[in-house]
Amino acid sequence: MAIRTLSSVIEQHIAGLPGVVAALIGRATDGAVVAKVIYASDAQEEKELEFLGAYASDLLQANNRICRIVSPKEEADYLMAGSPRLRVIIKSFPESPYFVLFLTKATTDLKSISERIKAILIDGKPLLPPVQDSVVSAAQALMDYAKRYAPDPNFVALRLSLKTGIDRIRLEKGNLSRQELRTLYKAVAALLGRERLPIAIQA
């Protein structure tokens, strides 16, 4: 008898649904992917799809912040985005920091996608890993964010090291003083051309 996993649940429920590019289950707190099924035509495309969980986490957190402004008592657990060619649908697991994401062609029937997502939410919930109290430092969160959105992610650590004067290895480990953290925050914001970042640091 085959052991049921989150990946097998995803595969079971996307079977026969035309236009699926990728489906995954991720953690909303940090974007970590715990299960995925990706159909990609080449290795580069699959590598780019690896960032789906991280981007979805950013979208969910931003969406929740917006919803708290207009309706403070409610949290958004559903999000749809996309382009004329592709559609992204994200739905949170109830009372859990996990979410399921579908990336499909825009021609894929929306009702069918919704039905498959509901099935994954039901069948997948008992298989979700226990929530870990993993504390990611603000410095590590800043580095991860910069690598996610900078034009040349492979050179982010080097560029930030040169810009801040902080050793690259120390930046990667994320154990910085408050002053160094503020310096890193400003450097990341400048690198991405933004005044503010969605990462809180101590004043």
C-alpha atoms as a PDB file:
ATOM      1  CA  MET A   1       0.000   0.000   0.000  1.00  0.00           C
ATOM      2  CA  ALA A   2       1.447   3.361  -1.066  1.00  0.00           C
ATOM      3  CA  ILE A   3       2.082   5.935   1.628  1.00  0.00           C
ATOM      4  CA  ARG A   4       0.066   9.092   1.054  1.00  0.00           C
ATOM      5  CA  THR A   5       2.055  12.322   0.917  1.00  0.00           C
ATOM      6  CA  LEU A   6       1.210  15.948   0.220  1.00  0.00           C
ATOM      7  CA  SER A   7       2.777  15.605  -3.234  1.00  0.00           C
ATOM      8  CA  SER A   8       0.629  12.563  -4.024  1.00  0.00           C
ATOM      9  CA  VAL A   9      -2.467  14.492  -2.875  1.00  0.00           C
ATOM     10  CA  ILE A  10      -1.573  17.318  -5.276  1.00  0.00           C
ATOM     11  CA  GLU A  11      -0.944  14.867  -8.134  1.00  0.00           C
ATOM     12  CA  GLN A  12      -4.239  13.089  -7.485  1.00  0.00           C
ATOM     13  CA  HIS A  13      -6.294  16.260  -7.618  1.00  0.00           C
ATOM     14  CA  ILE A  14      -4.626  17.990 -10.576  1.00  0.00           C
ATOM     15  CA  ALA A  15      -4.848  14.868 -12.740  1.00  0.00           C
ATOM     16  CA  GLY A  16      -6.936  15.567 -15.824  1.00  0.00           C
ATOM     17  CA  LEU A  17      -7.054  19.329 -15.270  1.00  0.00           C
ATOM     18  CA  PRO A  18      -5.809  20.927 -18.500  1.00  0.00           C
ATOM     19  CA  GLY A  19      -3.391  23.828 -18.445  1.00  0.00           C
ATOM     20  CA  VAL A  20      -1.754  23.236 -15.050  1.00  0.00           C
ATOM     21  CA  VAL A  21       1.783  24.624 -14.998  1.00  0.00           C
ATOM     22  CA  ALA A  22       2.496  24.087 -11.300  1.00  0.00           C
ATOM     23  CA  ALA A  23       0.728  23.331  -8.043  1.00  0.00           C
ATOM     24  CA  LEU A  24       2.269  23.513  -4.604  1.00  0.00           C
ATOM     25  CA  ILE A  25       1.697  23.684  -0.874  1.00  0.00           C
ATOM     26  CA  GLY A  26       3.749  26.322   0.921  1.00  0.00           C
ATOM     27  CA  ARG A  27       4.175  28.003   4.285  1.00  0.00           C
ATOM     28  CA  ALA A  28       2.833  31.549   4.385  1.00  0.00           C
ATOM     29  CA  THR A  29       5.263  32.753   7.059  1.00  0.00           C
ATOM     30  CA  ASP A  30       8.412  32.285   4.986  1.00  0.00           C
ATOM     31  CA  GLY A  31       7.365  30.940   1.585  1.00  0.00           C
ATOM     32  CA  ALA A  32       8.953  27.527   2.157  1.00  0.00           C
ATOM     33  CA  VAL A  33       7.503  24.897  -0.198  1.00  0.00           C
ATOM     34  CA  VAL A  34       6.573  21.622   1.502  1.00  0.00           C
ATOM     35  CA  ALA A  35       5.144  19.843  -1.566  1.00  0.00           C
ATOM     36  CA  LYS A  36       4.990  20.603  -5.269  1.00  0.00           C
ATOM     37  CA  VAL A  37       4.251  19.307  -8.733  1.00  0.00           C
ATOM     38  CA  ILE A  38       5.802  21.339 -11.554  1.00  0.00           C
ATOM     39  CA  TYR A  39       5.426  20.815 -15.275  1.00  0.00           C
ATOM     40  CA  ALA A  40       8.143  22.821 -17.031  1.00  0.00           C
ATOM     41  CA  SER A  41       9.466  22.653 -20.581  1.00  0.00           C
ATOM     42  CA  ASP A  42      13.074  23.332 -19.593  1.00  0.00           C
ATOM     43  CA  ALA A  43      15.361  23.442 -16.564  1.00  0.00           C
ATOM     44  CA  GLN A  44      15.531  27.251 -16.497  1.00  0.00           C
ATOM     45  CA  GLU A  45      11.755  27.570 -16.366  1.00  0.00           C
ATOM     46  CA  GLU A  46      11.575  25.026 -13.538  1.00  0.00           C
ATOM     47  CA  LYS A  47      14.269  26.944 -11.638  1.00  0.00           C
ATOM     48  CA  GLU A  48      12.242  30.158 -11.957  1.00  0.00           C
ATOM     49  CA  LEU A  49       9.112  28.382 -10.731  1.00  0.00           C
ATOM     50  CA  GLU A  50      11.002  27.447  -7.552  1.00  0.00           C
ATOM     51  CA  PHE A  51      10.321  31.004  -6.325  1.00  0.00           C
ATOM     52  CA  LEU A  52       6.541  30.561  -6.479  1.00  0.00           C
ATOM     53  CA  GLY A  53       6.200  29.811  -2.767  1.00  0.00           C
ATOM     54  CA  ALA A  54       8.248  32.830  -1.742  1.00  0.00           C
ATOM     55  CA  TYR A  55       6.313  35.168  -4.026  1.00  0.00           C
ATOM     56  CA  ALA A  56       2.996  33.710  -2.848  1.00  0.00           C
ATOM     57  CA  SER A  57       3.994  34.322   0.765  1.00  0.00           C
ATOM     58  CA  ASP A  58       4.716  37.976  -0.061  1.00  0.00           C
ATOM     59  CA  LEU A  59       1.373  38.304  -1.850  1.00  0.00           C
ATOM     60  CA  LEU A  60      -0.594  36.748   1.008  1.00  0.00           C
ATOM     61  CA  GLN A  61       1.043  38.937   3.625  1.00  0.00           C
ATOM     62  CA  ALA A  62       0.514  42.088   1.540  1.00  0.00           C
ATOM     63  CA  ASN A  63      -3.087  41.077   0.871  1.00  0.00           C
ATOM     64  CA  ASN A  64      -3.710  40.557   4.583  1.00  0.00           C
ATOM     65  CA  ARG A  65      -2.282  43.991   5.371  1.00  0.00           C
ATOM     66  CA  ILE A  66      -4.630  45.569   2.827  1.00  0.00           C
ATOM     67  CA  CYS A  67      -7.617  43.650   4.176  1.00  0.00           C
ATOM     68  CA  ARG A  68      -6.825  44.678   7.755  1.00  0.00           C
ATOM     69  CA  ILE A  69      -7.007  48.316   6.653  1.00  0.00           C
ATOM     70  CA  VAL A  70     -10.452  48.003   5.066  1.00  0.00           C
ATOM     71  CA  SER A  71     -11.807  45.281   7.384  1.00  0.00           C
ATOM     72  CA  PRO A  72      -9.668  44.899  10.517  1.00  0.00           C
ATOM     73  CA  LYS A  73     -11.481  41.828  11.867  1.00  0.00           C
ATOM     74  CA  GLU A  74     -10.998  39.736   8.737  1.00  0.00           C
ATOM     75  CA  GLU A  75      -8.024  37.902   7.265  1.00  0.00           C
ATOM     76  CA  ALA A  76      -7.917  37.152   3.572  1.00  0.00           C
ATOM     77  CA  ASP A  77      -7.468  33.477   2.758  1.00  0.00           C
ATOM     78  CA  TYR A  78      -7.984  33.696  -1.018  1.00  0.00           C
ATOM     79  CA  LEU A  79      -6.046  35.520  -3.689  1.00  0.00           C
ATOM     80  CA  MET A  80      -6.090  35.514  -7.479  1.00  0.00           C
ATOM     81  CA  ALA A  81      -3.574  37.213  -9.753  1.00  0.00           C
ATOM     82  CA  GLY A  82      -2.125  36.704 -13.177  1.00  0.00           C
ATOM     83  CA  SER A  83      -1.688  37.888 -16.727  1.00  0.00           C
ATOM     84  CA  PRO A  84      -3.470  37.410 -20.055  1.00  0.00           C
ATOM     85  CA  ARG A  85      -1.558  34.114 -20.406  1.00  0.00           C
ATOM     86  CA  LEU A  86      -1.305  32.715 -16.872  1.00  0.00           C
ATOM     87  CA  ARG A  87      -3.422  32.678 -13.730  1.00  0.00           C
ATOM     88  CA  VAL A  88      -2.261  32.303 -10.111  1.00  0.00           C
ATOM     89  CA  ILE A  89      -4.746  31.178  -7.468  1.00  0.00           C
ATOM     90  CA  ILE A  90      -3.791  30.942  -3.789  1.00  0.00           C
ATOM     91  CA  LYS A  91      -5.985  29.620  -0.968  1.00  0.00           C
ATOM     92  CA  SER A  92      -4.950  29.268   2.669  1.00  0.00           C
ATOM     93  CA  PHE A  93      -5.563  26.145   4.703  1.00  0.00           C
ATOM     94  CA  PRO A  94      -8.076  26.949   7.475  1.00  0.00           C
ATOM     95  CA  GLU A  95      -6.471  27.761  10.840  1.00  0.00           C
ATOM     96  CA  SER A  96      -3.020  27.004   9.478  1.00  0.00           C
ATOM     97  CA  PRO A  97      -0.013  28.950   8.172  1.00  0.00           C
ATOM     98  CA  TYR A  98      -0.014  26.862   4.980  1.00  0.00           C
ATOM     99  CA  PHE A  99      -1.480  27.587   1.560  1.00  0.00           C
ATOM    100  CA  VAL A 100      -2.110  25.833  -1.728  1.00  0.00           C
ATOM    101  CA  LEU A 101      -1.214  27.531  -5.009  1.00  0.00           C
ATOM    102  CA  PHE A 102      -2.190  26.763  -8.592  1.00  0.00           C
ATOM    103  CA  LEU A 103      -0.427  28.266 -11.598  1.00  0.00           C
ATOM    104  CA  THR A 104      -2.476  27.533 -14.717  1.00  0.00           C
ATOM    105  CA  LYS A 105      -3.058  28.804 -18.200  1.00  0.00           C
ATOM    106  CA  ALA A 106      -5.656  31.564 -18.327  1.00  0.00           C
ATOM    107  CA  THR A 107      -7.919  29.313 -20.395  1.00  0.00           C
ATOM    108  CA  THR A 108      -8.242  26.734 -17.594  1.00  0.00           C
ATOM    109  CA  ASP A 109     -11.763  26.634 -16.176  1.00  0.00           C
ATOM    110  CA  LEU A 110     -11.856  28.634 -12.943  1.00  0.00           C
ATOM    111  CA  LYS A 111     -14.588  26.494 -11.382  1.00  0.00           C
ATOM    112  CA  SER A 112     -12.550  23.344 -11.973  1.00  0.00           C
ATOM    113  CA  ILE A 113      -9.504  24.955 -10.353  1.00  0.00           C
ATOM    114  CA  SER A 114     -11.560  25.965  -7.322  1.00  0.00           C
ATOM    115  CA  GLU A 115     -12.931  22.431  -6.925  1.00  0.00           C
ATOM    116  CA  ARG A 116      -9.416  20.915  -7.087  1.00  0.00           C
ATOM    117  CA  ILE A 117      -8.061  23.393  -4.551  1.00  0.00           C
ATOM    118  CA  LYS A 118     -10.900  22.604  -2.114  1.00  0.00           C
ATOM    119  CA  ALA A 119     -10.132  18.898  -2.446  1.00  0.00           C
ATOM    120  CA  ILE A 120      -6.442  19.479  -1.707  1.00  0.00           C
ATOM    121  CA  LEU A 121      -7.341  21.597   1.324  1.00  0.00           C
ATOM    122  CA  ILE A 122      -9.487  18.779   2.708  1.00  0.00           C
ATOM    123  CA  ASP A 123      -7.223  15.818   1.896  1.00  0.00           C
ATOM    124  CA  GLY A 124      -3.956  17.644   2.519  1.00  0.00           C
ATOM    125  CA  LYS A 125      -4.651  19.193   5.925  1.00  0.00           C
ATOM    126  CA  PRO A 126      -4.035  15.996   7.984  1.00  0.00           C
ATOM    127  CA  LEU A 127      -0.654  15.611   6.231  1.00  0.00           C
ATOM    128  CA  LEU A 128       0.670  19.127   6.872  1.00  0.00           C
ATOM    129  CA  PRO A 129       3.931  19.171   8.834  1.00  0.00           C
ATOM    130  CA  PRO A 130       3.756  20.518  12.400  1.00  0.00           C
ATOM    131  CA  VAL A 131       4.442  24.234  12.684  1.00  0.00           C
ATOM    132  CA  GLN A 132       8.047  24.836  13.639  1.00  0.00           C
ATOM    133  CA  ASP A 133       9.100  27.758  15.797  1.00  0.00           C
ATOM    134  CA  SER A 134      11.933  28.623  13.447  1.00  0.00           C
ATOM    135  CA  VAL A 135      13.086  32.150  14.098  1.00  0.00           C
ATOM    136  CA  VAL A 136      14.521  33.843  11.038  1.00  0.00           C
ATOM    137  CA  SER A 137      16.480  36.937  11.905  1.00  0.00           C
ATOM    138  CA  ALA A 138      15.543  40.243  10.314  1.00  0.00           C
ATOM    139  CA  ALA A 139      18.953  40.264   8.615  1.00  0.00           C
ATOM    140  CA  GLN A 140      18.316  36.865   7.024  1.00  0.00           C
ATOM    141  CA  ALA A 141      14.838  37.981   5.974  1.00  0.00           C
ATOM    142  CA  LEU A 142      16.345  41.076   4.334  1.00  0.00           C
ATOM    143  CA  MET A 143      18.939  38.981   2.498  1.00  0.00           C
ATOM    144  CA  ASP A 144      16.303  36.504   1.317  1.00  0.00           C
ATOM    145  CA  TYR A 145      14.074  39.350   0.138  1.00  0.00           C
ATOM    146  CA  ALA A 146      16.942  40.993  -1.757  1.00  0.00           C
ATOM    147  CA  LYS A 147      17.887  37.705  -3.446  1.00  0.00           C
ATOM    148  CA  ARG A 148      14.267  37.173  -4.427  1.00  0.00           C
ATOM    149  CA  TYR A 149      13.768  40.546  -6.119  1.00  0.00           C
ATOM    150  CA  ALA A 150      17.193  41.827  -7.169  1.00  0.00           C
ATOM    151  CA  PRO A 151      18.050  41.601 -10.892  1.00  0.00           C
ATOM    152  CA  ASP A 152      21.197  39.492 -10.257  1.00  0.00           C
ATOM    153  CA  PRO A 153      20.401  37.258  -7.255  1.00  0.00           C
ATOM    154  CA  ASN A 154      23.734  35.415  -7.453  1.00  0.00           C
ATOM    155  CA  PHE A 155      25.651  38.631  -6.745  1.00  0.00           C
ATOM    156  CA  VAL A 156      23.350  40.128  -4.115  1.00  0.00           C
ATOM    157  CA  ALA A 157      25.498  39.171  -1.108  1.00  0.00           C
ATOM    158  CA  LEU A 158      28.639  40.563  -2.733  1.00  0.00           C
ATOM    159  CA  ARG A 159      26.942  43.816  -3.746  1.00  0.00           C
ATOM    160  CA  LEU A 160      25.435  44.321  -0.301  1.00  0.00           C
ATOM    161  CA  SER A 161      28.747  43.531   1.360  1.00  0.00           C
ATOM    162  CA  LEU A 162      30.476  46.193  -0.719  1.00  0.00           C
ATOM    163  CA  LYS A 163      27.664  48.676  -0.098  1.00  0.00           C
ATOM    164  CA  THR A 164      27.461  48.157   3.676  1.00  0.00           C
ATOM    165  CA  GLY A 165      31.078  47.338   4.496  1.00  0.00           C
ATOM    166  CA  ILE A 166      29.890  44.183   6.299  1.00  0.00           C
ATOM    167  CA  ASP A 167      31.625  40.891   5.524  1.00  0.00           C
ATOM    168  CA  ARG A 168      29.619  38.749   3.093  1.00  0.00           C
ATOM    169  CA  ILE A 169      29.721  35.673   5.337  1.00  0.00           C
ATOM    170  CA  ARG A 170      28.360  37.677   8.277  1.00  0.00           C
ATOM    171  CA  LEU A 171      25.566  38.985   6.029  1.00  0.00           C
ATOM    172  CA  GLU A 172      24.649  35.447   5.017  1.00  0.00           C
ATOM    173  CA  LYS A 173      24.597  34.231   8.641  1.00  0.00           C
ATOM    174  CA  GLY A 174      22.455  37.224   9.646  1.00  0.00           C
ATOM    175  CA  ASN A 175      23.993  37.848  13.060  1.00  0.00           C
ATOM    176  CA  LEU A 176      24.258  41.638  12.951  1.00  0.00           C
ATOM    177  CA  SER A 177      24.162  44.478  15.434  1.00  0.00           C
ATOM    178  CA  ARG A 178      21.220  46.912  15.398  1.00  0.00           C
ATOM    179  CA  GLN A 179      23.296  49.549  13.606  1.00  0.00           C
ATOM    180  CA  GLU A 180      24.455  47.025  10.997  1.00  0.00           C
ATOM    181  CA  LEU A 181      20.862  45.863  10.549  1.00  0.00           C
ATOM    182  CA  ARG A 182      19.711  49.418   9.875  1.00  0.00           C
ATOM    183  CA  THR A 183      22.578  49.823   7.399  1.00  0.00           C
ATOM    184  CA  LEU A 184      21.590  46.590   5.647  1.00  0.00           C
ATOM    185  CA  TYR A 185      17.933  47.679   5.510  1.00  0.00           C
ATOM    186  CA  LYS A 186      18.887  50.928   3.770  1.00  0.00           C
ATOM    187  CA  ALA A 187      21.214  49.087   1.373  1.00  0.00           C
ATOM    188  CA  VAL A 188      18.550  46.551   0.380  1.00  0.00           C
ATOM    189  CA  ALA A 189      15.961  49.297  -0.104  1.00  0.00           C
ATOM    190  CA  ALA A 190      18.404  51.246  -2.291  1.00  0.00           C
ATOM    191  CA  LEU A 191      19.308  48.118  -4.271  1.00  0.00           C
ATOM    192  CA  LEU A 192      15.641  47.446  -5.046  1.00  0.00           C
ATOM    193  CA  GLY A 193      14.761  51.110  -5.587  1.00  0.00           C
ATOM    194  CA  ARG A 194      12.271  51.246  -2.710  1.00  0.00           C
ATOM    195  CA  GLU A 195      11.861  53.518   0.262  1.00  0.00           C
ATOM    196  CA  ARG A 196      10.303  50.882   2.519  1.00  0.00           C
ATOM    197  CA  LEU A 197      10.479  47.090   2.705  1.00  0.00           C
ATOM    198  CA  PRO A 198       7.858  44.670   4.123  1.00  0.00           C
ATOM    199  CA  ILE A 199      10.296  43.538   6.819  1.00  0.00           C
ATOM    200  CA  ALA A 200      10.199  45.020  10.311  1.00  0.00           C
ATOM    201  CA  ILE A 201      13.429  45.840  12.119  1.00  0.00           C
ATOM    202  CA  GLN A 202      13.965  47.223  15.592  1.00  0.00           C
ATOM    203  CA  ALA A 203      14.541  50.975  15.673  1.00  0.00           C
END
